[in-house]
Amino acid sequence: MAEDDGSPRWGPLVLILLAVAGLTLWDWRHAPEGQAFAALSPEARQEKFLSTRRDADGFCAHRELRAQCRTQLELLVRFPECDEECRFFAARMRRSWRP
């Protein structure tokens, strides 16, 4: 039996994190939205992202448009451009619709 020298065992943790990141990327690239995003030029994707964000802002401002708001939020967070502020906005909007 080998003695523990006190050094951390990072190897397995790093492999697990790499596997999760790889699966996430694979899933994103093979999901319909991921394929559509990958087919767009960076400029077109940015334009679509901004358009989706504007639509989400508009729909989410009206309680009677809750379904449209939810649809826009689900699409919005799939964009690679959806940063921390964007995700915070989406989470805040989702919470505001809870009964």
C-alpha atoms as a PDB file:
ATOM      1  CA  MET A   1       0.000   0.000   0.000  1.00  0.00           C
ATOM      2  CA  ALA A   2       1.426   3.403  -0.988  1.00  0.00           C
ATOM      3  CA  GLU A   3       1.907   6.092   1.592  1.00  0.00           C
ATOM      4  CA  ASP A   4       0.022   9.381   1.273  1.00  0.00           C
ATOM      5  CA  ASP A   5       2.585  12.140   0.780  1.00  0.00           C
ATOM      6  CA  GLY A   6       0.019  14.872   1.497  1.00  0.00           C
ATOM      7  CA  SER A   7      -0.114  16.190  -2.065  1.00  0.00           C
ATOM      8  CA  PRO A   8      -3.565  16.855  -3.518  1.00  0.00           C
ATOM      9  CA  ARG A   9      -4.933  14.424  -6.067  1.00  0.00           C
ATOM     10  CA  TRP A  10      -5.948  16.867  -8.831  1.00  0.00           C
ATOM     11  CA  GLY A  11      -5.715  14.420 -11.718  1.00  0.00           C
ATOM     12  CA  PRO A  12      -9.150  12.782 -11.373  1.00  0.00           C
ATOM     13  CA  LEU A  13     -10.844  16.112 -10.683  1.00  0.00           C
ATOM     14  CA  VAL A  14      -9.287  17.708 -13.767  1.00  0.00           C
ATOM     15  CA  LEU A  15     -10.344  14.735 -15.926  1.00  0.00           C
ATOM     16  CA  ILE A  16     -13.922  14.958 -14.636  1.00  0.00           C
ATOM     17  CA  LEU A  17     -14.082  18.707 -15.320  1.00  0.00           C
ATOM     18  CA  LEU A  18     -12.678  18.231 -18.837  1.00  0.00           C
ATOM     19  CA  ALA A  19     -15.217  15.485 -19.530  1.00  0.00           C
ATOM     20  CA  VAL A  20     -18.110  17.678 -18.357  1.00  0.00           C
ATOM     21  CA  ALA A  21     -16.863  20.611 -20.461  1.00  0.00           C
ATOM     22  CA  GLY A  22     -16.489  18.358 -23.485  1.00  0.00           C
ATOM     23  CA  LEU A  23     -19.975  16.916 -23.114  1.00  0.00           C
ATOM     24  CA  THR A  24     -21.444  20.383 -22.684  1.00  0.00           C
ATOM     25  CA  LEU A  25     -19.724  21.607 -25.849  1.00  0.00           C
ATOM     26  CA  TRP A  26     -20.779  18.498 -27.765  1.00  0.00           C
ATOM     27  CA  ASP A  27     -24.393  18.915 -26.603  1.00  0.00           C
ATOM     28  CA  TRP A  28     -24.395  22.611 -27.531  1.00  0.00           C
ATOM     29  CA  ARG A  29     -22.968  21.920 -30.992  1.00  0.00           C
ATOM     30  CA  HIS A  30     -25.461  19.100 -31.684  1.00  0.00           C
ATOM     31  CA  ALA A  31     -28.576  20.763 -30.324  1.00  0.00           C
ATOM     32  CA  PRO A  32     -30.643  22.475 -33.032  1.00  0.00           C
ATOM     33  CA  GLU A  33     -29.867  25.919 -31.623  1.00  0.00           C
ATOM     34  CA  GLY A  34     -26.174  25.089 -31.346  1.00  0.00           C
ATOM     35  CA  GLN A  35     -26.034  24.054 -34.985  1.00  0.00           C
ATOM     36  CA  ALA A  36     -27.884  27.186 -36.028  1.00  0.00           C
ATOM     37  CA  PHE A  37     -25.556  29.382 -33.948  1.00  0.00           C
ATOM     38  CA  ALA A  38     -22.483  27.646 -35.363  1.00  0.00           C
ATOM     39  CA  ALA A  39     -23.719  28.285 -38.915  1.00  0.00           C
ATOM     40  CA  LEU A  40     -24.046  32.043 -38.337  1.00  0.00           C
ATOM     41  CA  SER A  41     -21.208  34.459 -38.793  1.00  0.00           C
ATOM     42  CA  PRO A  42     -20.121  36.151 -35.554  1.00  0.00           C
ATOM     43  CA  GLU A  43     -21.717  39.399 -36.749  1.00  0.00           C
ATOM     44  CA  ALA A  44     -25.028  37.722 -37.637  1.00  0.00           C
ATOM     45  CA  ARG A  45     -25.054  35.830 -34.327  1.00  0.00           C
ATOM     46  CA  GLN A  46     -24.423  39.084 -32.425  1.00  0.00           C
ATOM     47  CA  GLU A  47     -27.256  40.761 -34.319  1.00  0.00           C
ATOM     48  CA  LYS A  48     -29.622  37.849 -33.565  1.00  0.00           C
ATOM     49  CA  PHE A  49     -28.566  37.906 -29.908  1.00  0.00           C
ATOM     50  CA  LEU A  50     -29.318  41.644 -29.607  1.00  0.00           C
ATOM     51  CA  SER A  51     -32.651  41.167 -31.372  1.00  0.00           C
ATOM     52  CA  THR A  52     -33.579  38.316 -29.027  1.00  0.00           C
ATOM     53  CA  ARG A  53     -32.594  40.419 -26.021  1.00  0.00           C
ATOM     54  CA  ARG A  54     -34.785  43.319 -27.227  1.00  0.00           C
ATOM     55  CA  ASP A  55     -37.683  40.912 -27.813  1.00  0.00           C
ATOM     56  CA  ALA A  56     -37.241  39.429 -24.335  1.00  0.00           C
ATOM     57  CA  ASP A  57     -37.242  42.912 -22.813  1.00  0.00           C
ATOM     58  CA  GLY A  58     -40.485  43.729 -24.633  1.00  0.00           C
ATOM     59  CA  PHE A  59     -42.330  40.485 -23.981  1.00  0.00           C
ATOM     60  CA  CYS A  60     -41.248  40.235 -20.354  1.00  0.00           C
ATOM     61  CA  ALA A  61     -42.555  43.734 -19.630  1.00  0.00           C
ATOM     62  CA  HIS A  62     -46.128  42.465 -20.127  1.00  0.00           C
ATOM     63  CA  ARG A  63     -47.553  39.775 -17.871  1.00  0.00           C
ATOM     64  CA  GLU A  64     -50.020  38.652 -20.556  1.00  0.00           C
ATOM     65  CA  LEU A  65     -47.051  37.753 -22.811  1.00  0.00           C
ATOM     66  CA  ARG A  66     -45.544  35.326 -20.303  1.00  0.00           C
ATOM     67  CA  ALA A  67     -45.287  32.426 -22.798  1.00  0.00           C
ATOM     68  CA  GLN A  68     -43.464  34.574 -25.354  1.00  0.00           C
ATOM     69  CA  CYS A  69     -41.213  35.939 -22.612  1.00  0.00           C
ATOM     70  CA  ARG A  70     -40.289  32.437 -21.479  1.00  0.00           C
ATOM     71  CA  THR A  71     -39.530  31.358 -25.062  1.00  0.00           C
ATOM     72  CA  GLN A  72     -37.249  34.354 -25.632  1.00  0.00           C
ATOM     73  CA  LEU A  73     -35.447  33.793 -22.323  1.00  0.00           C
ATOM     74  CA  GLU A  74     -34.809  30.123 -23.138  1.00  0.00           C
ATOM     75  CA  LEU A  75     -33.289  31.118 -26.480  1.00  0.00           C
ATOM     76  CA  LEU A  76     -31.383  34.063 -25.042  1.00  0.00           C
ATOM     77  CA  VAL A  77     -29.373  32.046 -22.514  1.00  0.00           C
ATOM     78  CA  ARG A  78     -28.230  29.632 -25.255  1.00  0.00           C
ATOM     79  CA  PHE A  79     -26.259  32.353 -27.023  1.00  0.00           C
ATOM     80  CA  PRO A  80     -22.524  32.347 -26.263  1.00  0.00           C
ATOM     81  CA  GLU A  81     -22.886  36.141 -26.002  1.00  0.00           C
ATOM     82  CA  CYS A  82     -25.207  35.789 -23.002  1.00  0.00           C
ATOM     83  CA  ASP A  83     -22.831  36.958 -20.278  1.00  0.00           C
ATOM     84  CA  GLU A  84     -23.318  37.172 -16.509  1.00  0.00           C
ATOM     85  CA  GLU A  85     -25.572  40.256 -16.768  1.00  0.00           C
ATOM     86  CA  CYS A  86     -27.679  38.525 -19.435  1.00  0.00           C
ATOM     87  CA  ARG A  87     -28.097  35.393 -17.312  1.00  0.00           C
ATOM     88  CA  PHE A  88     -28.986  37.533 -14.294  1.00  0.00           C
ATOM     89  CA  PHE A  89     -31.662  39.280 -16.386  1.00  0.00           C
ATOM     90  CA  ALA A  90     -33.090  35.923 -17.514  1.00  0.00           C
ATOM     91  CA  ALA A  91     -33.131  34.526 -13.980  1.00  0.00           C
ATOM     92  CA  ARG A  92     -34.772  37.694 -12.633  1.00  0.00           C
ATOM     93  CA  MET A  93     -37.464  37.572 -15.312  1.00  0.00           C
ATOM     94  CA  ARG A  94     -38.160  33.883 -14.655  1.00  0.00           C
ATOM     95  CA  ARG A  95     -38.526  34.552 -10.918  1.00  0.00           C
ATOM     96  CA  SER A  96     -40.914  37.431 -11.572  1.00  0.00           C
ATOM     97  CA  TRP A  97     -43.379  35.076 -13.315  1.00  0.00           C
ATOM     98  CA  ARG A  98     -43.628  32.602 -10.451  1.00  0.00           C
ATOM     99  CA  PRO A  99     -47.059  32.554  -8.818  1.00  0.00           C
END
